[in-house]
PDB file of N, CA and C in Angstrom:
ATOM      1  N   MET A   1       0.983   8.726 -19.724  1.00  0.00           N
ATOM      2  CA  MET A   1       0.857   8.685 -18.294  1.00  0.00           C
ATOM      3  C   MET A   1       0.212   7.361 -17.893  1.00  0.00           C
ATOM      4  N   SER A   2       0.704   6.739 -16.836  1.00  0.00           N
ATOM      5  CA  SER A   2       0.151   5.492 -16.335  1.00  0.00           C
ATOM      6  C   SER A   2      -0.771   5.762 -15.161  1.00  0.00           C
ATOM      7  N   THR A   3      -1.840   4.997 -15.089  1.00  0.00           N
ATOM      8  CA  THR A   3      -2.726   5.057 -13.939  1.00  0.00           C
ATOM      9  C   THR A   3      -2.940   3.650 -13.415  1.00  0.00           C
ATOM     10  N   VAL A   4      -3.112   3.552 -12.117  1.00  0.00           N
ATOM     11  CA  VAL A   4      -3.367   2.265 -11.500  1.00  0.00           C
ATOM     12  C   VAL A   4      -4.868   2.024 -11.519  1.00  0.00           C
ATOM     13  N   ASN A   5      -5.267   0.858 -11.937  1.00  0.00           N
ATOM     14  CA  ASN A   5      -6.679   0.507 -11.983  1.00  0.00           C
ATOM     15  C   ASN A   5      -6.869  -0.829 -11.284  1.00  0.00           C
ATOM     16  N   ILE A   6      -6.849  -0.802  -9.955  1.00  0.00           N
ATOM     17  CA  ILE A   6      -6.919  -2.039  -9.179  1.00  0.00           C
ATOM     18  C   ILE A   6      -8.308  -2.346  -8.660  1.00  0.00           C
ATOM     19  N   ALA A   7      -9.170  -1.345  -8.580  1.00  0.00           N
ATOM     20  CA  ALA A   7     -10.505  -1.529  -8.008  1.00  0.00           C
ATOM     21  C   ALA A   7     -11.283  -2.680  -8.646  1.00  0.00           C
ATOM     22  N   PRO A   8     -11.330  -2.780  -9.976  1.00  0.00           N
ATOM     23  CA  PRO A   8     -12.104  -3.880 -10.575  1.00  0.00           C
ATOM     24  C   PRO A   8     -11.564  -5.258 -10.210  1.00  0.00           C
ATOM     25  N   PHE A   9     -10.242  -5.376 -10.095  1.00  0.00           N
ATOM     26  CA  PHE A   9      -9.646  -6.665  -9.729  1.00  0.00           C
ATOM     27  C   PHE A   9     -10.081  -7.069  -8.323  1.00  0.00           C
ATOM     28  N   ILE A  10     -10.021  -6.122  -7.388  1.00  0.00           N
ATOM     29  CA  ILE A  10     -10.360  -6.416  -6.000  1.00  0.00           C
ATOM     30  C   ILE A  10     -11.828  -6.786  -5.875  1.00  0.00           C
ATOM     31  N   LYS A  11     -12.683  -5.980  -6.466  1.00  0.00           N
ATOM     32  CA  LYS A  11     -14.122  -6.254  -6.386  1.00  0.00           C
ATOM     33  C   LYS A  11     -14.469  -7.617  -6.967  1.00  0.00           C
ATOM     34  N   GLU A  12     -13.931  -7.912  -8.128  1.00  0.00           N
ATOM     35  CA  GLU A  12     -14.230  -9.182  -8.783  1.00  0.00           C
ATOM     36  C   GLU A  12     -13.698 -10.359  -7.969  1.00  0.00           C
ATOM     37  N   TYR A  13     -12.471 -10.245  -7.477  1.00  0.00           N
ATOM     38  CA  TYR A  13     -11.887 -11.327  -6.671  1.00  0.00           C
ATOM     39  C   TYR A  13     -12.739 -11.580  -5.435  1.00  0.00           C
ATOM     40  N   ARG A  14     -13.120 -10.507  -4.736  1.00  0.00           N
ATOM     41  CA  ARG A  14     -13.924 -10.663  -3.518  1.00  0.00           C
ATOM     42  C   ARG A  14     -15.261 -11.324  -3.831  1.00  0.00           C
ATOM     43  N   ARG A  15     -15.903 -10.897  -4.909  1.00  0.00           N
ATOM     44  CA  ARG A  15     -17.201 -11.479  -5.284  1.00  0.00           C
ATOM     45  C   ARG A  15     -17.074 -12.964  -5.605  1.00  0.00           C
ATOM     46  N   GLN A  16     -16.066 -13.295  -6.391  1.00  0.00           N
ATOM     47  CA  GLN A  16     -15.878 -14.696  -6.795  1.00  0.00           C
ATOM     48  C   GLN A  16     -15.573 -15.600  -5.606  1.00  0.00           C
ATOM     49  N   HIS A  17     -14.933 -15.042  -4.574  1.00  0.00           N
ATOM     50  CA  HIS A  17     -14.536 -15.851  -3.418  1.00  0.00           C
ATOM     51  C   HIS A  17     -15.400 -15.589  -2.184  1.00  0.00           C
ATOM     52  N   ASN A  18     -16.506 -14.869  -2.370  1.00  0.00           N
ATOM     53  CA  ASN A  18     -17.442 -14.576  -1.278  1.00  0.00           C
ATOM     54  C   ASN A  18     -16.740 -14.026  -0.040  1.00  0.00           C
ATOM     55  N   LEU A  19     -15.852 -13.054  -0.258  1.00  0.00           N
ATOM     56  CA  LEU A  19     -15.105 -12.436   0.836  1.00  0.00           C
ATOM     57  C   LEU A  19     -15.658 -11.051   1.141  1.00  0.00           C
ATOM     58  N   THR A  20     -15.676 -10.705   2.422  1.00  0.00           N
ATOM     59  CA  THR A  20     -15.987  -9.334   2.813  1.00  0.00           C
ATOM     60  C   THR A  20     -14.714  -8.506   2.648  1.00  0.00           C
ATOM     61  N   GLN A  21     -14.851  -7.204   2.760  1.00  0.00           N
ATOM     62  CA  GLN A  21     -13.661  -6.362   2.722  1.00  0.00           C
ATOM     63  C   GLN A  21     -12.740  -6.711   3.879  1.00  0.00           C
ATOM     64  N   ALA A  22     -13.312  -7.041   5.036  1.00  0.00           N
ATOM     65  CA  ALA A  22     -12.497  -7.420   6.201  1.00  0.00           C
ATOM     66  C   ALA A  22     -11.748  -8.726   5.941  1.00  0.00           C
ATOM     67  N   ASP A  23     -12.410  -9.697   5.312  1.00  0.00           N
ATOM     68  CA  ASP A  23     -11.755 -10.968   4.973  1.00  0.00           C
ATOM     69  C   ASP A  23     -10.595 -10.740   4.012  1.00  0.00           C
ATOM     70  N   PHE A  24     -10.857  -9.936   2.983  1.00  0.00           N
ATOM     71  CA  PHE A  24      -9.817  -9.652   1.997  1.00  0.00           C
ATOM     72  C   PHE A  24      -8.650  -8.915   2.643  1.00  0.00           C
ATOM     73  N   ALA A  25      -8.968  -7.979   3.528  1.00  0.00           N
ATOM     74  CA  ALA A  25      -7.926  -7.213   4.223  1.00  0.00           C
ATOM     75  C   ALA A  25      -7.016  -8.135   5.019  1.00  0.00           C
ATOM     76  N   LYS A  26      -7.601  -9.098   5.719  1.00  0.00           N
ATOM     77  CA  LYS A  26      -6.796 -10.059   6.488  1.00  0.00           C
ATOM     78  C   LYS A  26      -5.904 -10.870   5.564  1.00  0.00           C
ATOM     79  N   LEU A  27      -6.453 -11.278   4.436  1.00  0.00           N
ATOM     80  CA  LEU A  27      -5.704 -12.077   3.463  1.00  0.00           C
ATOM     81  C   LEU A  27      -4.468 -11.340   2.967  1.00  0.00           C
ATOM     82  N   VAL A  28      -4.613 -10.029   2.765  1.00  0.00           N
ATOM     83  CA  VAL A  28      -3.530  -9.218   2.207  1.00  0.00           C
ATOM     84  C   VAL A  28      -2.651  -8.597   3.302  1.00  0.00           C
ATOM     85  N   GLY A  29      -3.206  -8.450   4.502  1.00  0.00           N
ATOM     86  CA  GLY A  29      -2.431  -7.868   5.597  1.00  0.00           C
ATOM     87  C   GLY A  29      -2.583  -6.365   5.727  1.00  0.00           C
ATOM     88  N   VAL A  30      -3.789  -5.870   5.431  1.00  0.00           N
ATOM     89  CA  VAL A  30      -4.071  -4.438   5.548  1.00  0.00           C
ATOM     90  C   VAL A  30      -5.383  -4.263   6.310  1.00  0.00           C
ATOM     91  N   SER A  31      -5.782  -3.027   6.518  1.00  0.00           N
ATOM     92  CA  SER A  31      -7.034  -2.753   7.223  1.00  0.00           C
ATOM     93  C   SER A  31      -8.219  -2.830   6.250  1.00  0.00           C
ATOM     94  N   PRO A  32      -9.405  -3.127   6.778  1.00  0.00           N
ATOM     95  CA  PRO A  32     -10.591  -3.097   5.918  1.00  0.00           C
ATOM     96  C   PRO A  32     -10.827  -1.712   5.311  1.00  0.00           C
ATOM     97  N   GLN A  33     -10.440  -0.671   6.039  1.00  0.00           N
ATOM     98  CA  GLN A  33     -10.589   0.683   5.523  1.00  0.00           C
ATOM     99  C   GLN A  33      -9.730   0.893   4.275  1.00  0.00           C
ATOM    100  N   ALA A  34      -8.547   0.296   4.262  1.00  0.00           N
ATOM    101  CA  ALA A  34      -7.671   0.398   3.086  1.00  0.00           C
ATOM    102  C   ALA A  34      -8.339  -0.253   1.880  1.00  0.00           C
ATOM    103  N   VAL A  35      -8.910  -1.424   2.079  1.00  0.00           N
ATOM    104  CA  VAL A  35      -9.586  -2.122   0.982  1.00  0.00           C
ATOM    105  C   VAL A  35     -10.756  -1.280   0.468  1.00  0.00           C
ATOM    106  N   SER A  36     -11.503  -0.704   1.374  1.00  0.00           N
ATOM    107  CA  SER A  36     -12.622   0.155   0.985  1.00  0.00           C
ATOM    108  C   SER A  36     -12.146   1.320   0.131  1.00  0.00           C
ATOM    109  N   LYS A  37     -11.056   1.956   0.526  1.00  0.00           N
ATOM    110  CA  LYS A  37     -10.509   3.079  -0.258  1.00  0.00           C
ATOM    111  C   LYS A  37     -10.060   2.614  -1.634  1.00  0.00           C
ATOM    112  N   TRP A  38      -9.437   1.454  -1.699  1.00  0.00           N
ATOM    113  CA  TRP A  38      -8.982   0.942  -2.992  1.00  0.00           C
ATOM    114  C   TRP A  38     -10.165   0.721  -3.911  1.00  0.00           C
ATOM    115  N   GLU A  39     -11.226   0.112  -3.370  1.00  0.00           N
ATOM    116  CA  GLU A  39     -12.389  -0.192  -4.204  1.00  0.00           C
ATOM    117  C   GLU A  39     -13.118   1.071  -4.649  1.00  0.00           C
ATOM    118  N   ARG A  40     -13.039   2.116  -3.873  1.00  0.00           N
ATOM    119  CA  ARG A  40     -13.684   3.380  -4.243  1.00  0.00           C
ATOM    120  C   ARG A  40     -12.741   4.279  -5.033  1.00  0.00           C
ATOM    121  N   GLU A  41     -11.556   3.759  -5.350  1.00  0.00           N
ATOM    122  CA  GLU A  41     -10.532   4.489  -6.101  1.00  0.00           C
ATOM    123  C   GLU A  41     -10.152   5.796  -5.415  1.00  0.00           C
ATOM    124  N   GLN A  42     -10.135   5.761  -4.078  1.00  0.00           N
ATOM    125  CA  GLN A  42      -9.703   6.906  -3.295  1.00  0.00           C
ATOM    126  C   GLN A  42      -8.311   6.688  -2.715  1.00  0.00           C
ATOM    127  N   GLY A  43      -7.712   5.578  -3.073  1.00  0.00           N
ATOM    128  CA  GLY A  43      -6.361   5.256  -2.641  1.00  0.00           C
ATOM    129  C   GLY A  43      -5.890   4.037  -3.401  1.00  0.00           C
ATOM    130  N   TYR A  44      -4.623   3.755  -3.243  1.00  0.00           N
ATOM    131  CA  TYR A  44      -4.016   2.630  -3.950  1.00  0.00           C
ATOM    132  C   TYR A  44      -3.195   1.798  -2.980  1.00  0.00           C
ATOM    133  N   PRO A  45      -3.045   0.510  -3.276  1.00  0.00           N
ATOM    134  CA  PRO A  45      -2.195  -0.326  -2.436  1.00  0.00           C
ATOM    135  C   PRO A  45      -0.748   0.142  -2.500  1.00  0.00           C
ATOM    136  N   ASP A  46      -0.033  -0.109  -1.438  1.00  0.00           N
ATOM    137  CA  ASP A  46       1.404   0.146  -1.439  1.00  0.00           C
ATOM    138  C   ASP A  46       2.019  -0.702  -2.545  1.00  0.00           C
ATOM    139  N   ILE A  47       3.005  -0.138  -3.197  1.00  0.00           N
ATOM    140  CA  ILE A  47       3.640  -0.825  -4.330  1.00  0.00           C
ATOM    141  C   ILE A  47       4.185  -2.201  -3.939  1.00  0.00           C
ATOM    142  N   THR A  48       4.578  -2.364  -2.695  1.00  0.00           N
ATOM    143  CA  THR A  48       5.115  -3.654  -2.252  1.00  0.00           C
ATOM    144  C   THR A  48       4.047  -4.744  -2.198  1.00  0.00           C
ATOM    145  N   LEU A  49       2.762  -4.361  -2.228  1.00  0.00           N
ATOM    146  CA  LEU A  49       1.673  -5.339  -2.213  1.00  0.00           C
ATOM    147  C   LEU A  49       1.287  -5.819  -3.613  1.00  0.00           C
ATOM    148  N   LEU A  50       1.736  -5.118  -4.627  1.00  0.00           N
ATOM    149  CA  LEU A  50       1.315  -5.472  -5.985  1.00  0.00           C
ATOM    150  C   LEU A  50       1.670  -6.905  -6.384  1.00  0.00           C
ATOM    151  N   PRO A  51       2.865  -7.414  -6.078  1.00  0.00           N
ATOM    152  CA  PRO A  51       3.133  -8.814  -6.431  1.00  0.00           C
ATOM    153  C   PRO A  51       2.202  -9.799  -5.720  1.00  0.00           C
ATOM    154  N   THR A  52       1.882  -9.534  -4.469  1.00  0.00           N
ATOM    155  CA  THR A  52       0.960 -10.390  -3.717  1.00  0.00           C
ATOM    156  C   THR A  52      -0.427 -10.359  -4.352  1.00  0.00           C
ATOM    157  N   LEU A  53      -0.891  -9.163  -4.682  1.00  0.00           N
ATOM    158  CA  LEU A  53      -2.202  -9.028  -5.312  1.00  0.00           C
ATOM    159  C   LEU A  53      -2.226  -9.703  -6.678  1.00  0.00           C
ATOM    160  N   ALA A  54      -1.168  -9.535  -7.448  1.00  0.00           N
ATOM    161  CA  ALA A  54      -1.100 -10.174  -8.767  1.00  0.00           C
ATOM    162  C   ALA A  54      -1.162 -11.690  -8.637  1.00  0.00           C
ATOM    163  N   CYS A  55      -0.495 -12.215  -7.630  1.00  0.00           N
ATOM    164  CA  CYS A  55      -0.531 -13.665  -7.397  1.00  0.00           C
ATOM    165  C   CYS A  55      -1.947 -14.117  -7.035  1.00  0.00           C
ATOM    166  N   LEU A  56      -2.613 -13.386  -6.151  1.00  0.00           N
ATOM    167  CA  LEU A  56      -3.988 -13.717  -5.765  1.00  0.00           C
ATOM    168  C   LEU A  56      -4.916 -13.685  -6.972  1.00  0.00           C
ATOM    169  N   PHE A  57      -4.766 -12.668  -7.812  1.00  0.00           N
ATOM    170  CA  PHE A  57      -5.665 -12.464  -8.934  1.00  0.00           C
ATOM    171  C   PHE A  57      -5.253 -13.249 -10.177  1.00  0.00           C
ATOM    172  N   ASP A  58      -4.128 -13.962 -10.078  1.00  0.00           N
ATOM    173  CA  ASP A  58      -3.608 -14.737 -11.211  1.00  0.00           C
ATOM    174  C   ASP A  58      -3.436 -13.853 -12.448  1.00  0.00           C
ATOM    175  N   CYS A  59      -2.722 -12.740 -12.228  1.00  0.00           N
ATOM    176  CA  CYS A  59      -2.444 -11.820 -13.322  1.00  0.00           C
ATOM    177  C   CYS A  59      -1.036 -11.263 -13.149  1.00  0.00           C
ATOM    178  N   SER A  60      -0.653 -10.398 -14.036  1.00  0.00           N
ATOM    179  CA  SER A  60       0.644  -9.734 -13.968  1.00  0.00           C
ATOM    180  C   SER A  60       0.484  -8.398 -13.254  1.00  0.00           C
ATOM    181  N   VAL A  61       1.528  -7.942 -12.597  1.00  0.00           N
ATOM    182  CA  VAL A  61       1.522  -6.605 -11.995  1.00  0.00           C
ATOM    183  C   VAL A  61       1.203  -5.569 -13.071  1.00  0.00           C
ATOM    184  N   ASN A  62       1.683  -5.789 -14.275  1.00  0.00           N
ATOM    185  CA  ASN A  62       1.427  -4.856 -15.380  1.00  0.00           C
ATOM    186  C   ASN A  62      -0.061  -4.713 -15.686  1.00  0.00           C
ATOM    187  N   ASP A  63      -0.845  -5.737 -15.375  1.00  0.00           N
ATOM    188  CA  ASP A  63      -2.277  -5.677 -15.648  1.00  0.00           C
ATOM    189  C   ASP A  63      -2.983  -4.605 -14.813  1.00  0.00           C
ATOM    190  N   PHE A  64      -2.356  -4.153 -13.741  1.00  0.00           N
ATOM    191  CA  PHE A  64      -2.946  -3.127 -12.887  1.00  0.00           C
ATOM    192  C   PHE A  64      -2.797  -1.724 -13.464  1.00  0.00           C
ATOM    193  N   PHE A  65      -2.002  -1.583 -14.503  1.00  0.00           N
ATOM    194  CA  PHE A  65      -1.700  -0.265 -15.043  1.00  0.00           C
ATOM    195  C   PHE A  65      -2.309  -0.091 -16.425  1.00  0.00           C
ATOM    196  N   GLN A  66      -2.877   1.084 -16.643  1.00  0.00           N
ATOM    197  CA  GLN A  66      -3.326   1.476 -17.967  1.00  0.00           C
ATOM    198  C   GLN A  66      -2.339   2.524 -18.443  1.00  0.00           C
ATOM    199  N   THR A  67      -1.719   2.275 -19.567  1.00  0.00           N
ATOM    200  CA  THR A  67      -0.682   3.181 -20.038  1.00  0.00           C
ATOM    201  C   THR A  67      -1.123   3.897 -21.300  1.00  0.00           C
ATOM    202  N   ASP A  68      -0.935   5.202 -21.277  1.00  0.00           N
ATOM    203  CA  ASP A  68      -1.167   6.022 -22.461  1.00  0.00           C
ATOM    204  C   ASP A  68       0.181   6.601 -22.859  1.00  0.00           C
ATOM    205  N   CYS A  69       0.775   6.056 -23.896  1.00  0.00           N
ATOM    206  CA  CYS A  69       2.111   6.466 -24.305  1.00  0.00           C
ATOM    207  C   CYS A  69       2.071   7.583 -25.343  1.00  0.00           C
ATOM    208  N   HIS A  70       0.901   8.061 -25.689  1.00  0.00           N
ATOM    209  CA  HIS A  70       0.803   9.129 -26.683  1.00  0.00           C
ATOM    210  C   HIS A  70       1.473  10.387 -26.147  1.00  0.00           C
ATOM    211  N   GLY A  71       2.137  11.076 -27.010  1.00  0.00           N
ATOM    212  CA  GLY A  71       2.783  12.301 -26.607  1.00  0.00           C
ATOM    213  C   GLY A  71       4.278  12.133 -26.303  1.00  0.00           C
ATOM    214  N   PHE A  72       4.721  10.874 -26.223  1.00  0.00           N
ATOM    215  CA  PHE A  72       6.144  10.632 -25.999  1.00  0.00           C
ATOM    216  C   PHE A  72       6.805  10.364 -27.339  1.00  0.00           C
ATOM    217  N   ALA A  73       7.906  11.025 -27.560  1.00  0.00           N
ATOM    218  CA  ALA A  73       8.639  10.823 -28.807  1.00  0.00           C
ATOM    219  C   ALA A  73       9.333   9.476 -28.765  1.00  0.00           C
ATOM    220  N   SER A  74       9.270   8.735 -29.851  1.00  0.00           N
ATOM    221  CA  SER A  74       9.994   7.474 -29.876  1.00  0.00           C
ATOM    222  C   SER A  74      11.466   7.748 -30.062  1.00  0.00           C
ATOM    223  N   GLN A  75      12.245   6.958 -29.380  1.00  0.00           N
ATOM    224  CA  GLN A  75      13.697   7.141 -29.391  1.00  0.00           C
ATOM    225  C   GLN A  75      14.322   6.316 -30.486  1.00  0.00           C
TER     226      GLN A  75
END
């Protein structure tokens, strides 16, 4: 099962760039409340925002996912 783990990326990016949640929200085009939910892991960004976030964070979209492949039979 895959889980999205974006909160650490957002928090670290904001800290490194001295941005408030409102500043980051403007940068991405969402509400400050959305950013707050993401950081508290009570919500996730829309999938269409992942490439933008990956570009900002200088990482791959895949880096946002933790995958546990145990339990799946290999084909």
